[in-house]
Protein backbone atom coordinates (compact mmCIF):
# COMPACT_ATOMS: atom_id res chain seq x y z
CA MET A 1 21.19 -54.90 108.03
CA ALA A 2 24.05 -56.89 106.53
CA ALA A 3 24.19 -60.51 107.57
CA HIS A 4 28.00 -60.57 107.78
CA ASP A 5 30.87 -58.20 108.47
CA LEU A 6 32.65 -59.28 105.30
CA VAL A 7 31.94 -61.50 102.31
CA ILE A 8 34.72 -62.47 99.90
CA ARG A 9 32.89 -63.48 96.73
CA GLY A 10 33.60 -65.51 93.65
CA GLY A 11 37.16 -66.67 94.29
CA THR A 12 38.67 -70.11 94.00
CA VAL A 13 38.80 -71.27 97.61
CA HIS A 14 41.69 -73.44 98.76
CA ASP A 15 40.53 -74.13 102.28
CA GLY A 16 43.80 -75.44 103.75
CA THR A 17 42.65 -79.05 104.14
CA GLY A 18 44.37 -80.24 100.96
CA ALA A 19 41.10 -80.34 99.04
CA ASP A 20 41.08 -79.07 95.48
CA GLY A 21 40.21 -75.45 94.95
CA ARG A 22 36.54 -74.73 94.33
CA PRO A 23 34.45 -71.68 93.49
CA ALA A 24 32.99 -70.38 96.75
CA ASP A 25 32.28 -67.34 98.86
CA VAL A 26 33.72 -66.82 102.33
CA ALA A 27 31.67 -64.99 104.98
CA ILE A 28 33.20 -63.51 108.11
CA SER A 29 31.75 -61.99 111.28
CA ASP A 30 33.36 -61.05 114.59
CA GLY A 31 36.78 -62.17 113.42
CA VAL A 32 35.81 -65.75 112.54
CA ILE A 33 34.63 -67.51 109.42
CA THR A 34 30.88 -68.12 109.41
CA GLU A 35 30.19 -69.62 105.98
CA VAL A 36 32.11 -71.08 103.03
CA GLY A 37 30.08 -71.83 99.92
CA GLU A 38 27.30 -69.93 98.24
CA VAL A 39 26.70 -67.14 100.72
CA ALA A 40 23.25 -65.62 100.33
CA GLY A 41 23.51 -62.91 102.98
CA THR A 42 25.26 -59.65 102.26
CA GLY A 43 28.32 -58.27 103.98
CA SER A 44 28.93 -54.83 105.40
CA ARG A 45 31.90 -55.04 103.06
CA GLU A 46 32.08 -57.23 99.99
CA VAL A 47 35.30 -58.14 98.17
CA ASP A 48 35.23 -59.35 94.56
CA ALA A 49 37.71 -62.23 94.32
CA ASP A 50 36.78 -63.33 90.79
CA GLY A 51 39.85 -64.90 89.14
CA ALA A 52 41.79 -64.98 92.40
CA LEU A 53 42.70 -67.64 94.95
CA VAL A 54 41.24 -67.38 98.44
CA THR A 55 43.41 -69.11 101.03
CA PRO A 56 43.96 -69.17 104.78
CA GLY A 57 46.59 -66.82 106.13
CA ILE A 58 50.08 -68.29 106.24
CA VAL A 59 51.42 -69.44 109.62
CA ASP A 60 55.19 -68.95 109.81
CA ILE A 61 56.49 -70.98 112.74
CA HIS A 62 60.18 -70.03 112.54
CA THR A 63 60.89 -66.33 112.96
CA HIS A 64 62.99 -64.09 115.19
CA TYR A 65 60.86 -60.99 115.73
CA ASP A 66 61.53 -61.18 119.50
CA GLY A 67 63.05 -57.69 119.49
CA GLN A 68 61.16 -56.08 116.62
CA ALA A 69 57.79 -57.13 118.05
CA THR A 70 58.48 -55.00 121.13
CA TRP A 71 58.94 -51.77 119.14
CA ASP A 72 57.27 -52.24 115.75
CA ASP A 73 53.59 -52.49 114.82
CA HIS A 74 54.42 -53.91 111.38
CA LEU A 75 56.37 -57.16 111.30
CA ALA A 76 57.91 -56.73 107.87
CA PRO A 77 58.95 -58.40 105.76
CA SER A 78 56.79 -61.39 106.79
CA ALA A 79 53.54 -59.43 106.81
CA TRP A 80 54.13 -58.49 103.16
CA HIS A 81 54.09 -62.16 102.15
CA GLY A 82 50.65 -63.34 103.21
CA VAL A 83 51.79 -64.25 106.73
CA THR A 84 49.14 -63.63 109.37
CA THR A 85 50.75 -65.49 112.31
CA VAL A 86 54.42 -65.59 113.31
CA VAL A 87 56.08 -67.73 115.96
CA MET A 88 59.31 -66.38 117.44
CA GLY A 89 61.80 -67.45 120.11
CA ASN A 90 63.28 -70.17 117.91
CA CYS A 91 66.82 -71.62 118.08
CA GLY A 92 67.17 -71.04 121.82
CA VAL A 93 67.65 -67.26 121.53
CA GLY A 94 65.45 -64.52 122.94
CA PHE A 95 65.21 -61.84 125.60
CA ALA A 96 63.52 -63.52 128.56
CA PRO A 97 63.85 -64.61 131.25
CA VAL A 98 66.61 -62.12 132.06
CA HIS A 99 68.40 -60.55 134.99
CA ASP A 100 68.95 -56.82 134.57
CA ALA A 101 72.70 -57.36 134.56
CA ASP A 102 72.49 -59.74 131.57
CA HIS A 103 70.96 -57.46 128.94
CA GLN A 104 74.27 -57.12 127.11
CA LYS A 105 74.85 -60.87 126.97
CA LEU A 106 71.43 -61.56 125.45
CA VAL A 107 71.95 -58.79 122.90
CA GLU A 108 75.33 -60.28 121.97
CA LEU A 109 73.71 -63.70 121.63
CA MET A 110 70.93 -62.44 119.35
CA GLU A 111 73.27 -60.18 117.39
CA GLY A 112 75.70 -63.00 116.70
CA VAL A 113 73.28 -65.86 116.07
CA GLU A 114 70.68 -63.91 114.12
CA ASP A 115 72.68 -61.00 112.64
CA ILE A 116 70.48 -58.27 114.13
CA PRO A 117 72.43 -55.05 114.83
CA GLY A 118 73.29 -54.73 118.49
CA ALA A 119 72.81 -50.96 118.37
CA ALA A 120 69.25 -51.45 117.12
CA LEU A 121 68.50 -53.90 119.91
CA HIS A 122 70.00 -51.66 122.58
CA GLU A 123 67.92 -48.70 121.42
CA GLY A 124 64.74 -50.61 120.59
CA LEU A 125 64.41 -52.85 123.65
CA ASP A 126 63.09 -51.15 126.78
CA TRP A 127 63.63 -54.22 128.99
CA ASN A 128 60.52 -53.66 131.10
CA TRP A 129 60.48 -57.35 132.01
CA ASN A 130 62.50 -60.00 133.81
CA SER A 131 60.42 -63.18 133.71
CA PHE A 132 59.16 -64.73 130.51
CA GLY A 133 55.61 -64.02 131.63
CA GLU A 134 56.49 -60.33 132.00
CA PHE A 135 57.98 -60.39 128.49
CA LEU A 136 54.67 -61.72 127.19
CA ASP A 137 52.85 -58.98 129.11
CA ALA A 138 55.05 -56.41 127.36
CA LEU A 139 54.28 -57.94 123.97
CA ASP A 140 50.59 -57.91 124.85
CA GLN A 141 50.59 -54.13 125.17
CA ARG A 142 51.15 -53.59 121.43
CA HIS A 143 48.83 -54.31 118.51
CA ARG A 144 50.35 -55.41 115.20
CA ASP A 145 49.58 -56.31 111.63
CA VAL A 146 50.00 -60.04 112.41
CA ASP A 147 49.37 -62.31 115.37
CA CYS A 148 52.53 -63.37 117.18
CA ALA A 149 53.44 -66.14 119.60
CA ALA A 150 56.65 -66.69 121.53
CA GLN A 151 58.64 -69.66 122.81
CA VAL A 152 60.95 -69.95 125.82
CA PRO A 153 64.60 -69.84 124.65
CA HIS A 154 67.15 -72.17 126.22
CA GLY A 155 70.01 -69.65 125.93
CA ALA A 156 68.24 -67.08 128.09
CA VAL A 157 67.09 -69.73 130.57
CA ARG A 158 70.59 -71.18 130.95
CA LEU A 159 72.15 -67.77 131.49
CA HIS A 160 69.42 -66.81 133.97
CA VAL A 161 69.99 -69.90 136.11
CA MET A 162 73.73 -70.56 135.72
CA GLY A 163 75.19 -67.12 135.03
CA GLU A 164 78.76 -67.23 133.76
CA ARG A 165 78.82 -71.02 134.14
CA GLY A 166 75.97 -71.19 131.67
CA ALA A 167 77.61 -68.85 129.20
CA ALA A 168 80.83 -70.91 129.48
CA ARG A 169 78.84 -74.10 128.70
CA ASP A 170 79.66 -75.78 132.00
CA ASP A 171 77.66 -78.89 132.78
CA ALA A 172 74.44 -78.17 134.61
CA THR A 173 73.98 -79.61 138.10
CA GLU A 174 70.80 -81.33 139.24
CA ALA A 175 69.79 -78.10 140.96
CA ASP A 176 70.46 -76.13 137.76
CA ILE A 177 68.33 -78.52 135.72
CA GLU A 178 65.50 -78.38 138.23
CA ALA A 179 65.59 -74.57 138.17
CA MET A 180 65.68 -74.41 134.35
CA SER A 181 62.83 -76.89 134.08
CA ALA A 182 60.73 -74.80 136.44
CA LEU A 183 61.49 -71.60 134.49
CA VAL A 184 60.50 -73.18 131.18
CA ALA A 185 57.31 -74.63 132.64
CA ASP A 186 56.44 -71.24 134.14
CA GLY A 187 57.03 -69.59 130.76
CA VAL A 188 54.76 -72.03 128.96
CA ALA A 189 52.13 -71.72 131.69
CA ALA A 190 52.24 -67.95 131.16
CA GLY A 191 51.52 -68.38 127.45
CA GLY A 192 54.71 -69.46 125.71
CA LEU A 193 54.17 -72.03 122.97
CA GLY A 194 57.10 -74.19 124.01
CA PHE A 195 60.86 -74.53 124.51
CA THR A 196 63.63 -74.09 121.93
CA THR A 197 67.35 -74.88 121.85
CA SER A 198 70.35 -74.71 119.51
CA ARG A 199 73.07 -77.33 119.09
CA THR A 200 74.91 -76.01 116.03
CA THR A 201 78.38 -74.50 115.71
CA ASN A 202 76.96 -72.13 113.09
CA HIS A 203 75.45 -70.17 115.98
CA ARG A 204 77.85 -67.88 117.86
CA THR A 205 77.56 -64.71 119.86
CA SER A 206 78.74 -61.41 118.38
CA THR A 207 81.93 -61.83 120.43
CA GLY A 208 82.67 -65.12 118.63
CA ASP A 209 81.75 -67.47 121.46
CA PHE A 210 79.62 -70.56 120.91
CA THR A 211 76.08 -70.34 122.24
CA PRO A 212 75.51 -71.33 125.90
CA THR A 213 73.37 -74.27 124.75
CA LEU A 214 75.71 -75.87 122.21
CA THR A 215 77.00 -78.69 124.41
CA ALA A 216 74.16 -79.01 126.90
CA ALA A 217 74.09 -82.63 128.05
CA SER A 218 71.26 -85.05 127.54
CA ASP A 219 70.23 -84.98 131.21
CA GLU A 220 69.76 -81.20 131.00
CA LEU A 221 67.58 -81.27 127.90
CA VAL A 222 65.61 -84.30 129.00
CA GLY A 223 65.10 -82.74 132.43
CA ILE A 224 63.71 -79.55 130.91
CA ALA A 225 61.47 -81.54 128.59
CA ARG A 226 60.19 -83.57 131.54
CA GLY A 227 59.00 -80.32 133.10
CA LEU A 228 56.79 -79.69 130.08
CA GLY A 229 55.48 -83.21 130.45
CA GLY A 230 54.40 -82.41 133.99
CA LEU A 231 52.65 -79.32 132.69
CA GLY A 232 51.05 -81.23 129.83
CA ALA A 233 51.62 -78.37 127.41
CA GLY A 234 54.16 -76.91 125.03
CA VAL A 235 56.17 -77.94 121.98
CA LEU A 236 59.92 -78.50 121.53
CA GLN A 237 62.08 -76.99 118.77
CA VAL A 238 65.69 -77.99 118.08
CA VAL A 239 68.42 -77.10 115.59
CA SER A 240 71.43 -79.45 115.52
CA ASP A 241 74.52 -80.23 113.45
CA PHE A 242 74.04 -83.98 114.04
CA THR A 243 77.79 -84.51 114.33
CA GLU A 244 76.97 -87.70 116.24
CA PRO A 245 73.62 -88.51 114.65
CA VAL A 246 72.88 -91.73 116.53
CA ASP A 247 73.50 -90.12 119.92
CA GLU A 248 71.60 -86.98 118.92
CA PHE A 249 68.51 -88.81 117.71
CA THR A 250 68.59 -90.94 120.84
CA MET A 251 68.53 -87.79 122.95
CA LEU A 252 65.69 -86.26 120.92
CA ASN A 253 63.68 -89.44 121.43
CA GLU A 254 64.35 -89.27 125.16
CA MET A 255 63.17 -85.65 125.25
CA MET A 256 59.90 -86.57 123.57
CA GLU A 257 59.39 -89.69 125.66
CA ALA A 258 60.06 -87.81 128.91
CA SER A 259 57.67 -85.01 128.00
CA GLY A 260 55.09 -86.58 125.73
CA ARG A 261 55.32 -83.32 123.78
CA PRO A 262 55.77 -82.87 120.01
CA MET A 263 59.03 -81.61 118.53
CA SER A 264 60.10 -79.84 115.37
CA LEU A 265 63.61 -80.04 113.99
CA THR A 266 65.58 -78.10 111.38
CA VAL A 267 66.28 -80.33 108.38
CA GLY A 268 68.43 -79.43 105.38
CA VAL A 269 71.42 -80.46 103.30
CA THR A 270 74.53 -78.43 102.57
CA ALA A 271 75.23 -77.27 99.04
CA ASP A 272 78.19 -79.67 98.83
CA GLY A 273 76.26 -82.46 100.51
CA GLU A 274 76.34 -86.02 99.31
CA PRO A 275 73.47 -86.75 96.90
CA GLY A 276 70.66 -88.48 98.74
CA SER A 277 71.89 -87.42 102.17
CA GLU A 278 68.50 -85.85 102.91
CA GLN A 279 66.94 -89.30 102.78
CA ARG A 280 68.84 -90.39 105.89
CA LEU A 281 67.42 -87.48 107.89
CA LEU A 282 63.94 -88.09 106.53
CA GLY A 283 64.27 -91.77 107.37
CA ALA A 284 65.21 -90.91 110.95
CA LEU A 285 62.15 -88.64 111.24
CA ALA A 286 59.90 -91.39 109.93
CA ALA A 287 61.39 -93.95 112.32
CA MET A 288 60.79 -91.74 115.36
CA ASN A 289 57.21 -91.11 114.33
CA GLU A 290 56.70 -94.83 113.85
CA GLN A 291 57.79 -95.27 117.48
CA GLY A 292 54.91 -93.04 118.55
CA ASN A 293 56.76 -89.78 119.01
CA ARG A 294 55.59 -86.71 117.11
CA ILE A 295 58.52 -85.05 115.38
CA THR A 296 58.29 -82.77 112.36
CA GLY A 297 61.08 -81.50 110.13
CA GLN A 298 61.08 -77.80 109.35
CA ILE A 299 62.10 -77.33 105.71
CA ALA A 300 63.15 -74.16 103.87
CA ALA A 301 61.16 -73.18 100.80
CA ARG A 302 64.30 -72.50 98.73
CA PRO A 303 68.05 -72.54 99.32
CA ILE A 304 69.16 -70.96 102.55
CA GLY A 305 71.37 -68.44 100.82
CA LEU A 306 73.75 -65.64 101.69
CA ILE A 307 73.35 -62.26 100.02
CA PHE A 308 76.51 -60.29 99.23
CA GLY A 309 76.57 -56.54 98.57
CA LEU A 310 78.74 -53.52 99.24
CA SER A 311 76.29 -52.43 101.95
CA CYS A 312 75.61 -55.95 103.26
CA THR A 313 77.44 -57.78 106.02
CA LEU A 314 79.34 -59.92 103.50
CA HIS A 315 80.88 -59.48 100.06
CA PRO A 316 83.94 -60.87 98.25
CA PHE A 317 86.14 -57.83 98.96
CA MET A 318 85.38 -57.35 102.64
CA GLU A 319 88.79 -58.72 103.70
CA ASN A 320 90.72 -57.01 100.93
CA PRO A 321 93.21 -54.49 102.43
CA VAL A 322 92.57 -51.96 99.65
CA TYR A 323 88.86 -52.10 100.27
CA ALA A 324 89.39 -51.92 104.03
CA GLU A 325 90.78 -48.38 103.62
CA MET A 326 87.42 -47.17 102.30
CA ALA A 327 85.04 -49.58 104.06
CA SER A 328 83.60 -46.95 106.40
CA ALA A 329 83.04 -44.33 103.68
CA PRO A 330 79.52 -43.65 102.32
CA LEU A 331 78.46 -45.99 99.54
CA ALA A 332 78.58 -43.33 96.83
CA GLU A 333 82.18 -42.49 97.74
CA ARG A 334 83.19 -46.14 97.74
CA VAL A 335 81.60 -46.67 94.33
CA ALA A 336 83.36 -43.63 92.90
CA ARG A 337 86.73 -44.76 94.23
CA LEU A 338 86.29 -48.36 93.06
CA ARG A 339 85.55 -47.11 89.55
CA ARG A 340 88.88 -45.28 89.36
CA PRO A 341 91.28 -47.40 87.24
CA GLU A 342 94.19 -47.16 89.68
CA VAL A 343 92.04 -48.17 92.67
CA ARG A 344 90.45 -50.99 90.73
CA HIS A 345 93.87 -52.27 89.73
CA ALA A 346 95.15 -52.13 93.31
CA LEU A 347 92.03 -53.88 94.61
CA LEU A 348 92.24 -56.71 92.09
CA SER A 349 95.97 -57.12 92.62
CA ALA A 350 95.49 -57.41 96.37
CA GLN A 351 92.68 -59.91 95.80
CA ALA A 352 94.94 -62.02 93.59
CA ARG A 353 97.67 -62.02 96.23
CA GLY A 354 95.10 -63.10 98.79
CA ILE A 355 94.07 -66.03 96.64
CA THR A 356 97.71 -67.05 96.23
CA ASP A 357 98.40 -66.73 99.93
CA LYS A 358 95.08 -68.36 100.84
CA THR A 359 94.48 -65.63 103.39
CA PHE A 360 90.94 -65.02 102.28
CA GLY A 361 90.64 -65.99 98.62
CA MET A 362 89.54 -69.56 99.22
CA SER A 363 86.85 -68.73 101.74
CA LEU A 364 83.10 -68.87 101.33
CA ILE A 365 82.80 -65.28 100.16
CA THR A 366 84.92 -65.92 97.06
CA ASN A 367 83.56 -69.32 96.11
CA PHE A 368 82.65 -68.08 92.62
CA ASP A 369 81.82 -71.61 91.48
CA ASN A 370 78.71 -71.34 93.65
CA ILE A 371 77.94 -67.60 93.60
CA PHE A 372 75.33 -66.06 91.31
CA GLU A 373 74.03 -62.63 90.43
CA LEU A 374 70.86 -61.83 92.36
CA ALA A 375 68.79 -60.18 89.65
CA ASP A 376 65.28 -58.72 89.67
CA PRO A 377 63.26 -60.88 89.89
CA PRO A 378 65.65 -63.26 91.65
CA ASP A 379 66.21 -66.82 90.47
CA TYR A 380 66.41 -69.15 93.48
CA GLU A 381 67.10 -72.29 91.44
CA PRO A 382 69.78 -71.00 89.06
CA SER A 383 71.64 -73.04 86.47
CA LEU A 384 75.26 -73.90 87.14
CA ALA A 385 75.93 -72.26 83.77
CA ASP A 386 75.14 -68.95 85.47
CA THR A 387 77.70 -69.05 88.27
CA LEU A 388 80.04 -66.09 88.33
CA ALA A 389 82.90 -68.41 87.43
CA ALA A 390 81.07 -69.71 84.35
CA ARG A 391 79.89 -66.28 83.22
CA ALA A 392 83.34 -64.78 83.71
CA LEU A 393 84.89 -67.51 81.59
CA ALA A 394 82.35 -66.84 78.83
CA ALA A 395 83.09 -63.11 79.04
CA ASP A 396 86.86 -63.70 78.95
CA THR A 397 87.46 -62.06 82.31
CA THR A 398 88.18 -63.22 85.83
CA PRO A 399 85.46 -64.11 88.36
CA VAL A 400 86.81 -61.42 90.70
CA GLU A 401 86.46 -58.69 88.08
CA PHE A 402 83.06 -59.98 87.07
CA ALA A 403 81.92 -59.90 90.72
CA LEU A 404 83.21 -56.36 91.18
CA ASP A 405 81.31 -55.09 88.14
CA LEU A 406 78.08 -56.69 89.34
CA LEU A 407 78.45 -55.19 92.81
CA LEU A 408 79.10 -51.74 91.35
CA ALA A 409 75.97 -51.90 89.17
CA ASP A 410 73.01 -49.73 90.08
CA GLU A 411 75.29 -47.27 91.88
CA GLY A 412 76.64 -49.94 94.17
CA ALA A 413 73.33 -51.67 94.93
CA GLY A 414 74.21 -54.82 92.99
CA LEU A 415 73.76 -58.08 94.87
CA LEU A 416 75.26 -61.56 94.66
CA TYR A 417 73.79 -64.79 95.99
CA LEU A 418 75.41 -67.90 97.48
CA PRO A 419 73.02 -70.84 97.91
CA TYR A 420 74.37 -72.29 101.14
CA MET A 421 71.97 -75.13 101.89
CA ASN A 422 69.54 -77.29 99.90
CA TYR A 423 70.97 -76.38 96.48
CA VAL A 424 72.81 -79.56 95.44
CA ASP A 425 74.39 -80.16 92.03
CA GLY A 426 72.59 -77.18 90.54
CA SER A 427 69.15 -78.37 91.57
CA LEU A 428 66.54 -78.23 94.33
CA ASP A 429 65.50 -81.85 93.80
CA ALA A 430 66.76 -82.79 97.27
CA LEU A 431 64.74 -79.95 98.74
CA ARG A 432 61.64 -81.18 96.92
CA ASN A 433 62.11 -84.61 98.48
CA MET A 434 62.07 -82.94 101.89
CA LEU A 435 59.09 -80.68 101.18
CA VAL A 436 56.80 -83.53 100.13
CA HIS A 437 57.74 -85.87 102.97
CA PRO A 438 54.80 -86.69 105.29
CA ASN A 439 56.77 -85.69 108.41
CA THR A 440 57.79 -82.18 107.31
CA VAL A 441 56.33 -78.68 107.06
CA PRO A 442 57.74 -75.47 105.58
CA GLY A 443 59.63 -73.27 108.01
CA LEU A 444 63.01 -71.64 108.65
CA SER A 445 62.20 -68.26 107.11
CA ASP A 446 64.02 -66.56 110.01
CA GLY A 447 61.80 -63.51 109.49
CA GLY A 448 63.26 -60.55 111.37
CA ALA A 449 66.76 -62.06 111.53
CA HIS A 450 69.99 -62.21 109.51
CA VAL A 451 69.11 -58.74 108.36
CA GLY A 452 72.45 -58.03 106.64
CA THR A 453 73.02 -61.41 104.98
CA ILE A 454 69.73 -63.22 104.37
CA CYS A 455 66.23 -62.17 103.40
CA ASP A 456 64.12 -65.29 103.70
CA GLY A 457 60.99 -63.80 105.27
CA SER A 458 59.73 -64.06 101.69
CA PHE A 459 59.88 -67.88 101.81
CA PRO A 460 56.06 -68.22 101.75
CA THR A 461 55.78 -66.40 98.42
CA THR A 462 58.57 -68.46 96.84
CA TYR A 463 56.99 -71.61 98.27
CA LEU A 464 53.70 -70.99 96.47
CA SER A 465 55.00 -69.44 93.25
CA HIS A 466 58.09 -71.56 92.55
CA TRP A 467 56.81 -74.94 93.66
CA GLY A 468 53.19 -74.45 92.68
CA ARG A 469 53.60 -72.62 89.37
CA ASP A 470 57.07 -71.84 87.99
CA ARG A 471 59.27 -74.91 88.35
CA PRO A 472 59.52 -76.57 84.92
CA GLU A 473 59.51 -80.09 86.39
CA GLY A 474 58.53 -81.46 89.75
CA ARG A 475 55.90 -78.90 90.68
CA ILE A 476 53.97 -79.64 93.87
CA PRO A 477 50.14 -79.53 93.84
CA LEU A 478 48.89 -76.19 95.07
CA PRO A 479 46.31 -77.61 97.52
CA TYR A 480 49.12 -79.48 99.29
CA LEU A 481 51.32 -76.39 99.46
CA ILE A 482 48.55 -74.32 101.01
CA GLN A 483 47.62 -77.07 103.48
CA GLN A 484 51.24 -77.38 104.57
CA HIS A 485 51.94 -73.69 105.13
CA CYS A 486 48.58 -72.87 106.74
CA ARG A 487 46.91 -75.73 108.58
CA ASP A 488 49.90 -78.01 109.08
CA THR A 489 52.34 -75.39 110.32
CA ALA A 490 49.67 -74.15 112.72
CA ARG A 491 49.07 -77.67 114.04
CA THR A 492 52.81 -78.24 114.46
CA VAL A 493 52.88 -75.60 117.22
CA GLY A 494 49.43 -76.28 118.67
CA LEU A 495 47.47 -73.46 117.02
CA LEU A 496 44.41 -75.43 115.99
CA ASP A 497 42.14 -72.40 115.58
CA ARG A 498 43.63 -71.18 112.28
CA GLY A 499 44.98 -72.29 108.92
CA VAL A 500 41.64 -73.55 107.59
CA LEU A 501 38.78 -71.77 105.84
CA ALA A 502 35.77 -73.30 107.58
CA PRO A 503 33.10 -72.04 109.97
CA GLY A 504 34.46 -71.28 113.42
CA TYR A 505 38.09 -70.83 112.38
CA ARG A 506 39.92 -67.56 112.81
CA ALA A 507 39.32 -65.31 109.80
CA ASP A 508 42.90 -64.97 108.61
CA VAL A 509 42.59 -64.89 104.82
CA ASN A 510 44.61 -64.09 101.69
CA VAL A 511 43.15 -63.17 98.32
CA ILE A 512 45.89 -63.88 95.78
CA ASP A 513 46.42 -63.07 92.11
CA PHE A 514 48.29 -66.30 91.60
CA ASP A 515 49.44 -65.55 88.04
CA ASN A 516 51.28 -62.47 89.29
CA LEU A 517 52.48 -63.80 92.64
CA GLY A 518 56.20 -63.26 93.06
CA VAL A 519 59.06 -61.56 94.86
CA SER A 520 61.25 -58.64 93.88
CA ARG A 521 64.98 -58.43 94.48
CA PRO A 522 65.83 -57.65 98.12
CA HIS A 523 66.86 -54.12 98.97
CA LEU A 524 68.50 -52.46 101.95
CA ALA A 525 66.72 -50.10 104.30
CA TRP A 526 68.13 -48.22 107.28
CA ASP A 527 64.92 -48.18 109.30
CA LEU A 528 65.73 -50.17 112.44
CA PRO A 529 66.26 -48.34 115.74
CA ALA A 530 69.54 -46.38 115.82
CA GLY A 531 69.45 -46.32 112.02
CA GLY A 532 70.10 -50.04 111.82
CA ARG A 533 70.29 -51.67 108.41
CA ARG A 534 68.20 -54.56 107.17
CA LEU A 535 67.39 -56.39 103.94
CA LEU A 536 63.75 -56.26 102.90
CA GLN A 537 61.92 -57.93 100.04
CA HIS A 538 58.55 -57.00 98.61
CA ALA A 539 55.97 -59.24 97.00
CA SER A 540 53.41 -58.88 94.25
CA GLY A 541 50.13 -60.72 93.87
CA TYR A 542 48.62 -60.35 97.35
CA LEU A 543 45.41 -58.47 96.62
CA HIS A 544 44.04 -58.57 100.16
CA THR A 545 45.29 -59.91 103.47
CA PHE A 546 42.90 -60.13 106.42
CA VAL A 547 43.78 -60.80 110.05
CA ALA A 548 40.77 -61.73 112.20
CA GLY A 549 38.55 -60.39 109.42
CA THR A 550 40.24 -56.98 109.25
CA GLU A 551 42.17 -56.02 106.13
CA THR A 552 45.82 -55.34 106.93
CA TYR A 553 47.22 -55.16 103.38
CA ALA A 554 45.61 -54.20 100.07
CA ASN A 555 47.66 -54.73 96.91
CA GLY A 556 50.78 -54.92 99.03
CA GLU A 557 50.19 -51.66 100.88
CA ALA A 558 49.49 -51.50 104.62
CA THR A 559 46.00 -50.31 105.44
CA GLY A 560 47.03 -49.06 108.88
CA ALA A 561 44.77 -51.55 110.66
CA LEU A 562 46.46 -53.47 113.50
CA PRO A 563 44.21 -56.39 114.48
CA GLY A 564 47.12 -58.69 115.37
CA ARG A 565 47.46 -59.79 118.97
CA LEU A 566 49.75 -61.87 121.14
CA ILE A 567 48.75 -65.53 121.19
CA ARG A 568 49.09 -67.08 124.62
CA GLY A 569 49.65 -70.79 124.46
CA ALA A 570 48.11 -73.52 122.35
CA GLN A 571 44.71 -72.77 120.86
CA PRO A 572 41.91 -75.36 120.56
CA ALA A 573 40.13 -76.19 117.34
CA PRO A 574 36.66 -74.71 116.86
CA ALA A 575 33.95 -76.73 118.53
């Protein structure tokens, strides 16, 4: 009889600890790793990994599959990119706890904040839960291609306790805070990984309102955090604009001191940010850790960028009155009309008037000095010489005409790209500073969210290929990259049983053809419930992905196996 269920032989093992890669075999039985080294015993299945990297599965701690995980067995696009564990419920948005009368409000919150079609959520969610524990029970009924864990979202908790007062951002009373604290503690006791909140004006409901949590006072957040301290479990996750940075960091410190729990925090710089501004945020993180609190910055792997297309949520002509007359027509009809000389002339004339009148021409969607073509394969650190403004000048045309021609390419499937955060002065140097800081980990992929404007579930592939192989200068050592996105992300949220290739650890494993690792250009699919639209992005180079020792993807194709399960709460390290 075979000594092991599976042996992956002859690959270069990067074990997730930061150690250099080494030739080794990996043996797996009963869903855990049993040996790493020269494995003498045979496996019931043997995989030849000669010439390939063998790494732990990627742990993505910032996703929004809260809805999709209730109806879908395959958590694409993340599962296509070597991800074997996803953590959802970030940014204070989610679907539990909930009163039956508040379904619409939570859908509007998720639709607005995370750009997930409301129609898809209404059709896909069956709402067979009220409490957060019941939501976890519902998730537990379905098997998937990845493991998933959930966090308790502040927006849902506030609405559940305060009703309309919560939605209107009224101050919470002592009784409100006590009730919210108890709900969060109950959710974590039931298996939630922690508590999340949003304090950014970038987050609004689909009706245009700010999120219920935007202006929550310090006593509310500290009171909720104190409840986790009494439980002795859970992590904290926050996104903030830092409009009053001193006050905000003081509050974050108070939350950690009251709870004794670790926190992660969104960290980034805007595209027009002051050079070196990331250093102030990194310095604040370091100072808080020096005080004994555990706070980790979540950093994007590339620019957080907006994708523009004729079938996307945004594009430069979306406010143009000529385009508005055809906006609801099928894509093929729109393309045909836009190619007619008289329609093209009318469209461009209206666009020019808009620029003159500043009705829409000066907005983000027509900032051609910072918009690029999104080609195949995409370039996520483009040269400023390749902006639409620069290319139009070289072609002796206007940026508006140049943009229109690119969008009409490929029968209207052309895409444009606006790097919104972390791309500063034509470079990702500021982002590199953040990625290599000792108090940060990669995150913010938003897998499952922003489905009409962003497709960053592919962050893990860009993280490894761009920073570990392709960047001409300033590459980051591959062992560090793998450690950060496997072991260190897992530890950030208390999942100590994964992210390392060593005996006793969960057998989540990728076998990667590193030379050919990469991403294709995003594409649109209408495969959400109710025919909802979403951007998807495929990867190349993942030869095998295993979850708990079972192969879920082979050469990028799903095997049909669904070994992924709900993770309830923090997980201890192997004995």
